[in-house]
């Protein structure tokens, strides 16, 4: 798990105190079940910290790009992610929501929420482009503008009878 530790001690004791941070962090691959999601570029953080009294509110943008595989043509492509973060990190010993993040020893770890958000940003069926045609069922090549249609598709011998019936039906019309 990637860690992005931010020291919030300077604003922790003054309600309304704010701090702006901009930095980059290189993430190792994010582990999801048996898979790993690689990041193509460092994660860019452009965030504001604000003491709300019950904790530190982190807002701003977290950006990077994930390396995904197209579900149609199986090529790898870069998928940009721009997360508008707005999370509250609660002070220790303050009542909080069930799935809330906590400030520990005056620090905030943005690693877990960032990883979680990046995983949630992945589409169910990632596509390199909306117009991706996929892979040709006949020759197995990726279908592009240079791909030529095949004249005669080989028919499974078990389906040859059906093909013959279709030809006869067309002649009969």
N, C-alpha and C. Protein backbone atom coordinates (compact mmCIF):
# COMPACT_ATOMS: atom_id res chain seq x y z
N UNK A 1 0.84 -1.17 0.00
CA UNK A 1 0.00 0.00 0.00
C UNK A 1 0.89 1.25 0.00
N UNK A 2 0.52 2.19 -0.85
CA UNK A 2 1.27 3.44 -0.95
C UNK A 2 0.92 4.37 0.21
N UNK A 3 1.93 5.05 0.68
CA UNK A 3 1.72 6.01 1.78
C UNK A 3 2.03 7.41 1.26
N UNK A 4 1.17 8.35 1.62
CA UNK A 4 1.37 9.76 1.32
C UNK A 4 1.12 10.49 2.63
N UNK A 5 2.17 10.61 3.43
CA UNK A 5 2.05 11.18 4.77
C UNK A 5 2.18 12.70 4.70
N UNK A 6 1.19 13.38 5.28
CA UNK A 6 1.19 14.85 5.32
C UNK A 6 1.18 15.28 6.78
N UNK A 7 2.11 16.15 7.11
CA UNK A 7 2.21 16.68 8.47
C UNK A 7 1.23 17.83 8.62
N UNK A 8 0.24 17.65 9.50
CA UNK A 8 -0.79 18.67 9.70
C UNK A 8 -0.68 19.32 11.08
N UNK A 9 0.45 19.13 11.75
CA UNK A 9 0.61 19.66 13.11
C UNK A 9 0.52 21.18 13.17
N UNK A 10 0.97 21.86 12.10
CA UNK A 10 0.97 23.33 12.11
C UNK A 10 -0.44 23.92 12.18
N UNK A 11 -1.43 23.23 11.64
CA UNK A 11 -2.78 23.78 11.63
C UNK A 11 -3.74 23.01 12.53
N UNK A 12 -3.25 22.00 13.21
CA UNK A 12 -4.10 21.10 13.99
C UNK A 12 -4.75 21.77 15.20
N UNK A 13 -4.11 22.74 15.80
CA UNK A 13 -4.62 23.34 17.04
C UNK A 13 -5.34 24.66 16.84
N UNK A 14 -5.51 25.11 15.60
CA UNK A 14 -6.16 26.40 15.35
C UNK A 14 -7.31 26.19 14.36
N UNK A 15 -8.55 26.27 14.87
CA UNK A 15 -9.74 26.09 14.04
C UNK A 15 -9.76 27.18 12.96
N UNK A 16 -9.97 26.77 11.72
CA UNK A 16 -10.01 27.70 10.60
C UNK A 16 -8.67 27.88 9.90
N UNK A 17 -7.60 27.34 10.48
CA UNK A 17 -6.28 27.47 9.86
C UNK A 17 -6.25 26.67 8.56
N UNK A 18 -5.52 27.21 7.57
CA UNK A 18 -5.45 26.58 6.26
C UNK A 18 -4.01 26.45 5.80
N UNK A 19 -3.80 25.51 4.90
CA UNK A 19 -2.48 25.30 4.30
C UNK A 19 -2.68 24.74 2.90
N UNK A 20 -1.90 25.20 1.93
CA UNK A 20 -1.97 24.70 0.55
C UNK A 20 -0.71 23.89 0.26
N UNK A 21 -0.89 22.75 -0.40
CA UNK A 21 0.24 21.89 -0.76
C UNK A 21 0.12 21.46 -2.22
N UNK A 22 1.24 21.49 -2.93
CA UNK A 22 1.34 20.95 -4.29
C UNK A 22 2.61 20.12 -4.36
N UNK A 23 2.46 18.85 -4.72
CA UNK A 23 3.62 17.96 -4.81
C UNK A 23 3.27 16.75 -5.66
N UNK A 24 4.30 15.98 -6.01
CA UNK A 24 4.14 14.74 -6.77
C UNK A 24 4.68 13.59 -5.95
N UNK A 25 4.09 12.42 -6.17
CA UNK A 25 4.54 11.21 -5.48
C UNK A 25 4.48 10.05 -6.46
N UNK A 26 5.56 9.28 -6.54
CA UNK A 26 5.59 8.09 -7.39
C UNK A 26 4.94 6.95 -6.62
N UNK A 27 3.94 6.34 -7.20
CA UNK A 27 3.23 5.23 -6.57
C UNK A 27 3.74 3.91 -7.13
N UNK A 28 3.84 2.93 -6.28
CA UNK A 28 4.10 1.57 -6.75
C UNK A 28 2.76 1.01 -7.23
N UNK A 29 2.75 -0.10 -7.98
CA UNK A 29 1.47 -0.64 -8.49
C UNK A 29 0.48 -0.88 -7.35
N UNK A 30 -0.78 -0.61 -7.64
CA UNK A 30 -1.84 -0.79 -6.66
C UNK A 30 -2.35 -2.22 -6.78
N UNK A 31 -2.35 -2.94 -5.67
CA UNK A 31 -2.78 -4.35 -5.68
C UNK A 31 -4.28 -4.42 -5.46
N UNK A 32 -4.96 -5.10 -6.40
CA UNK A 32 -6.40 -5.33 -6.32
C UNK A 32 -6.63 -6.81 -6.56
N UNK A 33 -7.01 -7.51 -5.50
CA UNK A 33 -7.17 -8.96 -5.57
C UNK A 33 -5.88 -9.58 -6.12
N UNK A 34 -5.96 -10.29 -7.24
CA UNK A 34 -4.77 -10.93 -7.81
C UNK A 34 -4.09 -10.04 -8.85
N UNK A 35 -4.70 -8.90 -9.19
CA UNK A 35 -4.16 -8.00 -10.20
C UNK A 35 -3.37 -6.86 -9.59
N UNK A 36 -2.63 -6.18 -10.46
CA UNK A 36 -1.91 -4.97 -10.08
C UNK A 36 -2.21 -3.89 -11.11
N UNK A 37 -2.50 -2.70 -10.60
CA UNK A 37 -2.76 -1.57 -11.49
C UNK A 37 -1.53 -0.68 -11.45
N UNK A 38 -0.91 -0.51 -12.62
CA UNK A 38 0.29 0.32 -12.70
C UNK A 38 -0.10 1.76 -13.04
N UNK A 39 0.68 2.69 -12.53
CA UNK A 39 0.47 4.09 -12.85
C UNK A 39 1.52 4.50 -13.88
N UNK A 40 1.08 5.24 -14.88
CA UNK A 40 1.96 5.64 -15.97
C UNK A 40 2.83 6.83 -15.59
N UNK A 41 2.32 7.65 -14.68
CA UNK A 41 3.04 8.87 -14.27
C UNK A 41 2.89 9.07 -12.78
N UNK A 42 3.73 9.95 -12.20
CA UNK A 42 3.58 10.22 -10.76
C UNK A 42 2.21 10.83 -10.44
N UNK A 43 1.77 10.63 -9.22
CA UNK A 43 0.50 11.19 -8.77
C UNK A 43 0.76 12.64 -8.36
N UNK A 44 -0.04 13.56 -8.92
CA UNK A 44 0.11 15.00 -8.63
C UNK A 44 -0.97 15.42 -7.65
N UNK A 45 -0.55 15.98 -6.54
CA UNK A 45 -1.46 16.47 -5.51
C UNK A 45 -1.45 17.99 -5.54
N UNK A 46 -2.63 18.60 -5.61
CA UNK A 46 -2.80 20.04 -5.50
C UNK A 46 -3.97 20.22 -4.54
N UNK A 47 -3.64 20.33 -3.24
CA UNK A 47 -4.67 20.23 -2.21
C UNK A 47 -4.60 21.37 -1.20
N UNK A 48 -5.72 21.58 -0.54
CA UNK A 48 -5.82 22.54 0.56
C UNK A 48 -6.21 21.77 1.82
N UNK A 49 -5.57 22.11 2.92
CA UNK A 49 -5.91 21.54 4.23
C UNK A 49 -6.59 22.64 5.04
N UNK A 50 -7.67 22.28 5.73
CA UNK A 50 -8.39 23.25 6.55
C UNK A 50 -8.82 22.58 7.85
N UNK A 51 -8.52 23.22 8.97
CA UNK A 51 -8.92 22.72 10.27
C UNK A 51 -10.39 23.08 10.48
N UNK A 52 -11.26 22.07 10.62
CA UNK A 52 -12.70 22.30 10.80
C UNK A 52 -13.13 22.22 12.25
N UNK A 53 -12.22 21.96 13.14
CA UNK A 53 -12.55 21.79 14.54
C UNK A 53 -12.60 20.32 14.92
N UNK A 54 -13.33 19.52 14.14
CA UNK A 54 -13.39 18.09 14.42
C UNK A 54 -12.31 17.32 13.67
N UNK A 55 -11.63 18.01 12.75
CA UNK A 55 -10.57 17.35 12.00
C UNK A 55 -10.02 18.25 10.92
N UNK A 56 -9.36 17.64 9.96
CA UNK A 56 -8.75 18.38 8.85
C UNK A 56 -9.49 17.99 7.57
N UNK A 57 -10.01 19.00 6.88
CA UNK A 57 -10.67 18.78 5.59
C UNK A 57 -9.61 18.93 4.51
N UNK A 58 -9.50 17.92 3.66
CA UNK A 58 -8.57 17.94 2.54
C UNK A 58 -9.40 18.08 1.27
N UNK A 59 -9.15 19.14 0.49
CA UNK A 59 -9.88 19.35 -0.76
C UNK A 59 -8.89 19.77 -1.84
N UNK A 60 -9.26 19.51 -3.08
CA UNK A 60 -8.40 19.85 -4.21
C UNK A 60 -8.44 18.78 -5.27
N UNK A 61 -7.33 18.65 -6.00
CA UNK A 61 -7.27 17.67 -7.10
C UNK A 61 -6.08 16.73 -6.92
N UNK A 62 -6.33 15.48 -7.27
CA UNK A 62 -5.29 14.45 -7.30
C UNK A 62 -5.36 13.84 -8.70
N UNK A 63 -4.25 13.91 -9.45
CA UNK A 63 -4.24 13.47 -10.85
C UNK A 63 -3.12 12.47 -11.12
N UNK A 64 -3.40 11.58 -12.05
CA UNK A 64 -2.39 10.66 -12.56
C UNK A 64 -2.98 9.96 -13.78
N UNK A 65 -2.31 8.91 -14.23
CA UNK A 65 -2.81 8.10 -15.35
C UNK A 65 -2.50 6.64 -15.05
N UNK A 66 -3.49 5.79 -15.29
CA UNK A 66 -3.35 4.36 -15.05
C UNK A 66 -3.08 3.63 -16.35
N UNK A 67 -2.34 2.53 -16.26
CA UNK A 67 -2.11 1.69 -17.44
C UNK A 67 -3.17 0.60 -17.42
N UNK A 68 -4.08 0.66 -18.44
CA UNK A 68 -5.16 -0.32 -18.53
C UNK A 68 -5.07 -1.09 -19.84
N UNK A 69 -5.81 -2.16 -19.95
CA UNK A 69 -5.88 -2.97 -21.15
C UNK A 69 -7.28 -2.83 -21.74
N UNK A 70 -7.34 -2.51 -23.02
CA UNK A 70 -8.62 -2.34 -23.72
C UNK A 70 -9.38 -3.67 -23.73
N UNK A 71 -10.66 -3.62 -23.40
CA UNK A 71 -11.46 -4.84 -23.35
C UNK A 71 -11.84 -5.35 -24.73
N UNK A 72 -11.64 -4.55 -25.77
CA UNK A 72 -11.98 -5.00 -27.14
C UNK A 72 -10.77 -5.48 -27.92
N UNK A 73 -9.67 -4.70 -27.89
CA UNK A 73 -8.52 -5.05 -28.74
C UNK A 73 -7.32 -5.56 -27.94
N UNK A 74 -7.41 -5.52 -26.62
CA UNK A 74 -6.38 -6.04 -25.71
C UNK A 74 -5.06 -5.27 -25.75
N UNK A 75 -5.06 -4.04 -26.27
CA UNK A 75 -3.84 -3.22 -26.23
C UNK A 75 -3.83 -2.40 -24.95
N UNK A 76 -2.64 -2.10 -24.48
CA UNK A 76 -2.51 -1.27 -23.28
C UNK A 76 -2.63 0.19 -23.66
N UNK A 77 -3.24 0.98 -22.77
CA UNK A 77 -3.39 2.41 -23.02
C UNK A 77 -3.35 3.16 -21.70
N UNK A 78 -3.12 4.45 -21.78
CA UNK A 78 -3.05 5.31 -20.61
C UNK A 78 -4.43 5.91 -20.34
N UNK A 79 -4.93 5.73 -19.12
CA UNK A 79 -6.26 6.21 -18.72
C UNK A 79 -6.09 7.31 -17.67
N UNK A 80 -6.38 8.58 -18.03
CA UNK A 80 -6.20 9.67 -17.08
C UNK A 80 -7.25 9.65 -15.96
N UNK A 81 -6.80 9.98 -14.75
CA UNK A 81 -7.70 10.07 -13.60
C UNK A 81 -7.49 11.43 -12.95
N UNK A 82 -8.59 12.15 -12.74
CA UNK A 82 -8.56 13.45 -12.06
C UNK A 82 -9.62 13.39 -10.97
N UNK A 83 -9.17 13.19 -9.74
CA UNK A 83 -10.07 13.03 -8.61
C UNK A 83 -10.18 14.35 -7.88
N UNK A 84 -11.41 14.83 -7.73
CA UNK A 84 -11.65 16.02 -6.92
C UNK A 84 -11.83 15.53 -5.48
N UNK A 85 -10.77 15.64 -4.71
CA UNK A 85 -10.79 15.14 -3.33
C UNK A 85 -11.52 16.12 -2.42
N UNK A 86 -12.33 15.57 -1.54
CA UNK A 86 -12.99 16.35 -0.50
C UNK A 86 -13.25 15.38 0.66
N UNK A 87 -12.23 15.18 1.47
CA UNK A 87 -12.28 14.20 2.55
C UNK A 87 -12.01 14.88 3.89
N UNK A 88 -12.65 14.36 4.92
CA UNK A 88 -12.43 14.85 6.27
C UNK A 88 -11.68 13.79 7.06
N UNK A 89 -10.54 14.18 7.59
CA UNK A 89 -9.74 13.32 8.45
C UNK A 89 -10.00 13.75 9.89
N UNK A 90 -10.58 12.85 10.69
CA UNK A 90 -11.00 13.19 12.04
C UNK A 90 -9.85 13.13 13.03
N UNK A 91 -9.93 14.03 14.03
CA UNK A 91 -8.95 13.99 15.12
C UNK A 91 -9.20 12.73 15.94
N UNK A 92 -8.16 12.27 16.60
CA UNK A 92 -8.31 11.10 17.46
C UNK A 92 -9.30 11.43 18.59
N UNK A 93 -10.05 10.46 19.01
CA UNK A 93 -11.04 10.59 20.10
C UNK A 93 -12.20 11.52 19.78
N UNK A 94 -12.50 11.74 18.52
CA UNK A 94 -13.65 12.54 18.11
C UNK A 94 -14.64 11.58 17.45
N UNK A 95 -15.95 11.67 17.82
CA UNK A 95 -16.94 10.80 17.15
C UNK A 95 -16.90 11.01 15.65
N UNK A 96 -16.95 9.91 14.91
CA UNK A 96 -16.82 10.00 13.46
C UNK A 96 -17.70 8.97 12.77
N UNK A 97 -17.78 9.10 11.45
CA UNK A 97 -18.53 8.14 10.64
C UNK A 97 -17.81 6.79 10.69
N UNK A 98 -18.54 5.75 10.28
CA UNK A 98 -17.97 4.39 10.33
C UNK A 98 -16.72 4.25 9.48
N UNK A 99 -16.76 4.72 8.25
CA UNK A 99 -15.66 4.53 7.31
C UNK A 99 -14.81 5.80 7.20
N UNK A 100 -14.54 6.44 8.30
CA UNK A 100 -13.83 7.71 8.28
C UNK A 100 -12.32 7.50 8.40
N UNK A 101 -11.59 8.48 7.91
CA UNK A 101 -10.13 8.48 8.04
C UNK A 101 -9.76 9.24 9.30
N UNK A 102 -8.61 8.89 9.87
CA UNK A 102 -8.22 9.46 11.15
C UNK A 102 -6.85 10.11 11.07
N UNK A 103 -6.68 11.16 11.84
CA UNK A 103 -5.37 11.83 11.97
C UNK A 103 -4.62 11.07 13.06
N UNK A 104 -3.41 10.66 12.76
CA UNK A 104 -2.61 9.92 13.74
C UNK A 104 -1.31 10.66 13.99
N UNK A 105 -1.06 11.00 15.22
CA UNK A 105 0.16 11.71 15.62
C UNK A 105 0.37 12.98 14.80
N UNK A 106 -0.73 13.66 14.48
CA UNK A 106 -0.64 14.92 13.75
C UNK A 106 -0.39 14.76 12.26
N UNK A 107 -0.51 13.53 11.75
CA UNK A 107 -0.28 13.32 10.31
C UNK A 107 -1.50 12.68 9.65
N UNK A 108 -1.59 12.91 8.36
CA UNK A 108 -2.66 12.37 7.52
C UNK A 108 -2.00 11.49 6.47
N UNK A 109 -2.59 10.33 6.21
CA UNK A 109 -2.09 9.45 5.14
C UNK A 109 -3.10 9.49 3.99
N UNK A 110 -2.73 10.15 2.89
CA UNK A 110 -3.60 10.23 1.72
C UNK A 110 -3.47 9.02 0.80
N UNK A 111 -2.57 8.10 1.11
CA UNK A 111 -2.37 6.92 0.26
C UNK A 111 -3.61 6.05 0.11
N UNK A 112 -4.22 5.58 1.22
CA UNK A 112 -5.39 4.70 1.09
C UNK A 112 -6.57 5.33 0.33
N UNK A 113 -6.98 6.57 0.64
CA UNK A 113 -8.12 7.11 -0.14
C UNK A 113 -7.77 7.33 -1.61
N UNK A 114 -6.50 7.67 -1.91
CA UNK A 114 -6.10 7.87 -3.29
C UNK A 114 -6.15 6.56 -4.06
N UNK A 115 -5.60 5.51 -3.48
CA UNK A 115 -5.64 4.19 -4.13
C UNK A 115 -7.09 3.75 -4.35
N UNK A 116 -7.93 3.92 -3.34
CA UNK A 116 -9.32 3.53 -3.43
C UNK A 116 -10.03 4.27 -4.56
N UNK A 117 -9.80 5.56 -4.65
CA UNK A 117 -10.45 6.37 -5.68
C UNK A 117 -9.97 6.00 -7.08
N UNK A 118 -8.68 5.71 -7.22
CA UNK A 118 -8.14 5.32 -8.53
C UNK A 118 -8.75 3.99 -8.98
N UNK A 119 -8.91 3.05 -8.07
CA UNK A 119 -9.51 1.75 -8.41
C UNK A 119 -10.98 1.96 -8.81
N UNK A 120 -11.69 2.82 -8.08
CA UNK A 120 -13.09 3.08 -8.40
C UNK A 120 -13.26 3.81 -9.74
N UNK A 121 -12.23 4.51 -10.19
CA UNK A 121 -12.30 5.26 -11.45
C UNK A 121 -12.19 4.37 -12.68
N UNK A 122 -11.74 3.14 -12.51
CA UNK A 122 -11.54 2.23 -13.65
C UNK A 122 -12.90 1.81 -14.19
N UNK A 123 -13.15 2.01 -15.49
CA UNK A 123 -14.42 1.59 -16.06
C UNK A 123 -14.57 0.07 -16.05
N UNK A 124 -15.81 -0.39 -16.07
CA UNK A 124 -16.07 -1.84 -16.08
C UNK A 124 -15.47 -2.47 -17.33
N UNK A 125 -15.64 -1.80 -18.47
CA UNK A 125 -15.04 -2.27 -19.73
C UNK A 125 -14.17 -1.15 -20.28
N UNK A 126 -12.89 -1.13 -19.90
CA UNK A 126 -12.01 -0.07 -20.39
C UNK A 126 -11.83 -0.14 -21.91
N UNK A 127 -11.90 1.01 -22.57
CA UNK A 127 -11.71 1.08 -24.01
C UNK A 127 -10.61 2.07 -24.33
N UNK A 128 -9.71 1.70 -25.25
CA UNK A 128 -8.64 2.60 -25.66
C UNK A 128 -9.22 3.83 -26.36
N UNK A 129 -10.27 3.62 -27.18
CA UNK A 129 -11.03 4.70 -27.80
C UNK A 129 -12.48 4.23 -27.92
N UNK A 130 -13.40 5.15 -27.99
CA UNK A 130 -14.82 4.78 -28.15
C UNK A 130 -15.05 4.05 -29.47
N UNK A 131 -14.24 4.36 -30.47
CA UNK A 131 -14.42 3.77 -31.79
C UNK A 131 -13.62 2.47 -31.99
N UNK A 132 -13.04 1.94 -30.93
CA UNK A 132 -12.24 0.71 -31.05
C UNK A 132 -13.11 -0.41 -31.62
N UNK A 133 -12.61 -1.05 -32.68
CA UNK A 133 -13.34 -2.11 -33.37
C UNK A 133 -13.04 -3.50 -32.79
N UNK A 134 -11.99 -3.60 -32.00
CA UNK A 134 -11.65 -4.89 -31.41
C UNK A 134 -10.73 -5.72 -32.28
N UNK A 135 -10.84 -7.02 -32.15
CA UNK A 135 -9.98 -7.97 -32.86
C UNK A 135 -10.81 -8.71 -33.90
N UNK A 136 -10.24 -8.91 -35.08
CA UNK A 136 -10.92 -9.63 -36.17
C UNK A 136 -11.10 -11.10 -35.76
N UNK A 137 -12.31 -11.59 -35.88
CA UNK A 137 -12.61 -12.98 -35.51
C UNK A 137 -12.01 -13.98 -36.48
N UNK A 138 -11.65 -13.52 -37.69
CA UNK A 138 -11.11 -14.43 -38.69
C UNK A 138 -9.60 -14.55 -38.58
N UNK A 139 -8.89 -13.39 -38.59
CA UNK A 139 -7.43 -13.44 -38.62
C UNK A 139 -6.78 -13.13 -37.28
N UNK A 140 -7.52 -12.57 -36.33
CA UNK A 140 -6.97 -12.29 -35.02
C UNK A 140 -6.21 -10.99 -34.91
N UNK A 141 -6.19 -10.17 -35.98
CA UNK A 141 -5.50 -8.88 -35.95
C UNK A 141 -6.43 -7.81 -35.39
N UNK A 142 -5.83 -6.75 -34.86
CA UNK A 142 -6.61 -5.61 -34.39
C UNK A 142 -7.21 -4.92 -35.60
N UNK A 143 -8.50 -4.64 -35.54
CA UNK A 143 -9.19 -4.01 -36.67
C UNK A 143 -8.91 -2.51 -36.66
N UNK A 144 -8.25 -2.05 -37.72
CA UNK A 144 -7.96 -0.63 -37.90
C UNK A 144 -8.44 -0.23 -39.29
N UNK A 145 -8.19 1.01 -39.69
CA UNK A 145 -8.59 1.46 -41.03
C UNK A 145 -7.82 0.71 -42.11
N UNK A 146 -6.67 0.16 -41.78
CA UNK A 146 -5.86 -0.58 -42.75
C UNK A 146 -6.30 -2.05 -42.88
N UNK A 147 -7.11 -2.52 -41.95
CA UNK A 147 -7.55 -3.92 -41.96
C UNK A 147 -8.56 -4.12 -43.09
N UNK A 148 -8.30 -5.12 -43.93
CA UNK A 148 -9.18 -5.41 -45.07
C UNK A 148 -10.17 -6.50 -44.68
N UNK A 149 -11.44 -6.34 -45.08
CA UNK A 149 -12.41 -7.39 -44.78
C UNK A 149 -12.05 -8.68 -45.51
N UNK A 150 -12.39 -9.78 -44.94
CA UNK A 150 -12.08 -11.08 -45.52
C UNK A 150 -13.18 -11.49 -46.48
N UNK A 151 -12.77 -12.05 -47.62
CA UNK A 151 -13.72 -12.45 -48.66
C UNK A 151 -14.64 -13.56 -48.18
N UNK A 152 -14.08 -14.66 -47.85
CA UNK A 152 -14.87 -15.83 -47.47
C UNK A 152 -14.47 -16.25 -46.07
N UNK A 153 -15.43 -16.29 -45.21
CA UNK A 153 -15.19 -16.72 -43.84
C UNK A 153 -15.32 -18.24 -43.81
N UNK A 154 -14.33 -18.90 -43.24
CA UNK A 154 -14.39 -20.37 -43.16
C UNK A 154 -15.51 -20.75 -42.19
N UNK A 155 -16.32 -21.69 -42.62
CA UNK A 155 -17.45 -22.13 -41.81
C UNK A 155 -17.11 -23.47 -41.19
N UNK A 156 -17.46 -23.60 -39.95
CA UNK A 156 -17.28 -24.86 -39.24
C UNK A 156 -18.08 -25.93 -40.00
N UNK A 157 -17.49 -27.09 -40.22
CA UNK A 157 -18.13 -28.16 -40.98
C UNK A 157 -19.49 -28.52 -40.40
N UNK A 158 -19.65 -28.39 -39.12
CA UNK A 158 -20.93 -28.74 -38.48
C UNK A 158 -22.03 -27.74 -38.85
N UNK A 159 -21.63 -26.53 -39.28
CA UNK A 159 -22.60 -25.51 -39.64
C UNK A 159 -22.75 -25.35 -41.15
N UNK A 160 -22.04 -26.15 -41.91
CA UNK A 160 -22.08 -26.05 -43.38
C UNK A 160 -23.48 -26.27 -43.93
N UNK A 161 -24.24 -27.13 -43.31
CA UNK A 161 -25.61 -27.41 -43.76
C UNK A 161 -26.46 -26.14 -43.63
N UNK A 162 -26.31 -25.42 -42.54
CA UNK A 162 -27.06 -24.18 -42.36
C UNK A 162 -26.67 -23.15 -43.40
N UNK A 163 -25.39 -23.08 -43.72
CA UNK A 163 -24.93 -22.13 -44.73
C UNK A 163 -25.55 -22.46 -46.08
N UNK A 164 -25.63 -23.74 -46.41
CA UNK A 164 -26.23 -24.18 -47.68
C UNK A 164 -27.71 -23.81 -47.70
N UNK A 165 -28.42 -23.97 -46.60
CA UNK A 165 -29.84 -23.63 -46.53
C UNK A 165 -30.05 -22.13 -46.75
N UNK A 166 -29.17 -21.32 -46.19
CA UNK A 166 -29.27 -19.87 -46.38
C UNK A 166 -29.07 -19.50 -47.85
N UNK A 167 -28.11 -20.14 -48.51
CA UNK A 167 -27.87 -19.87 -49.94
C UNK A 167 -29.10 -20.23 -50.76
N UNK A 168 -29.69 -21.39 -50.47
CA UNK A 168 -30.87 -21.83 -51.21
C UNK A 168 -32.04 -20.89 -50.97
N UNK A 169 -32.18 -20.39 -49.74
CA UNK A 169 -33.26 -19.47 -49.43
C UNK A 169 -33.11 -18.17 -50.19
N UNK A 170 -31.89 -17.69 -50.30
CA UNK A 170 -31.63 -16.45 -51.04
C UNK A 170 -31.95 -16.61 -52.53
N UNK A 171 -31.62 -17.78 -53.09
CA UNK A 171 -31.89 -18.05 -54.51
C UNK A 171 -33.39 -18.13 -54.77
N UNK A 172 -34.13 -18.65 -53.80
CA UNK A 172 -35.56 -18.83 -53.93
C UNK A 172 -36.33 -17.53 -53.90
N UNK A 173 -35.76 -16.45 -53.38
CA UNK A 173 -36.47 -15.17 -53.27
C UNK A 173 -36.45 -14.40 -54.53
